[in-house]
Amino acid sequence: ATGLIATSLPMSVTLARNPSRTLFFEYEVAQNRLAFEQQFHYGVFYAFVKLKEQEIRNIVWIAECIQQDQKSRINQYIPIF
């Protein structure tokens, strides 16, 4: 168990052990939201893909919380909009 790396752990365990990673995801979502507030540019497509990735992470977070019977932590996902 001591040789596990963060990527082999479930996301809920990884985020609970590394709150700075959560802060990074929150910052990334905020920056990607800003891409939609300017005139047309190609950054919108990149931001859209990154926000979809965050949406998938949120779904995985909720599923893992349910699986691990941690229903009180379900609302700790990172909101997109």
Foldseek 3Di string as FASTA:
>chain_A
DVPDDLVVDQPVVSCVVPVVVVVVLLVLLVVLVVVVVDPDDPSVVVSVVSLVVLVVVLVSLLVVCVVVVVNVCNVVRRDRD
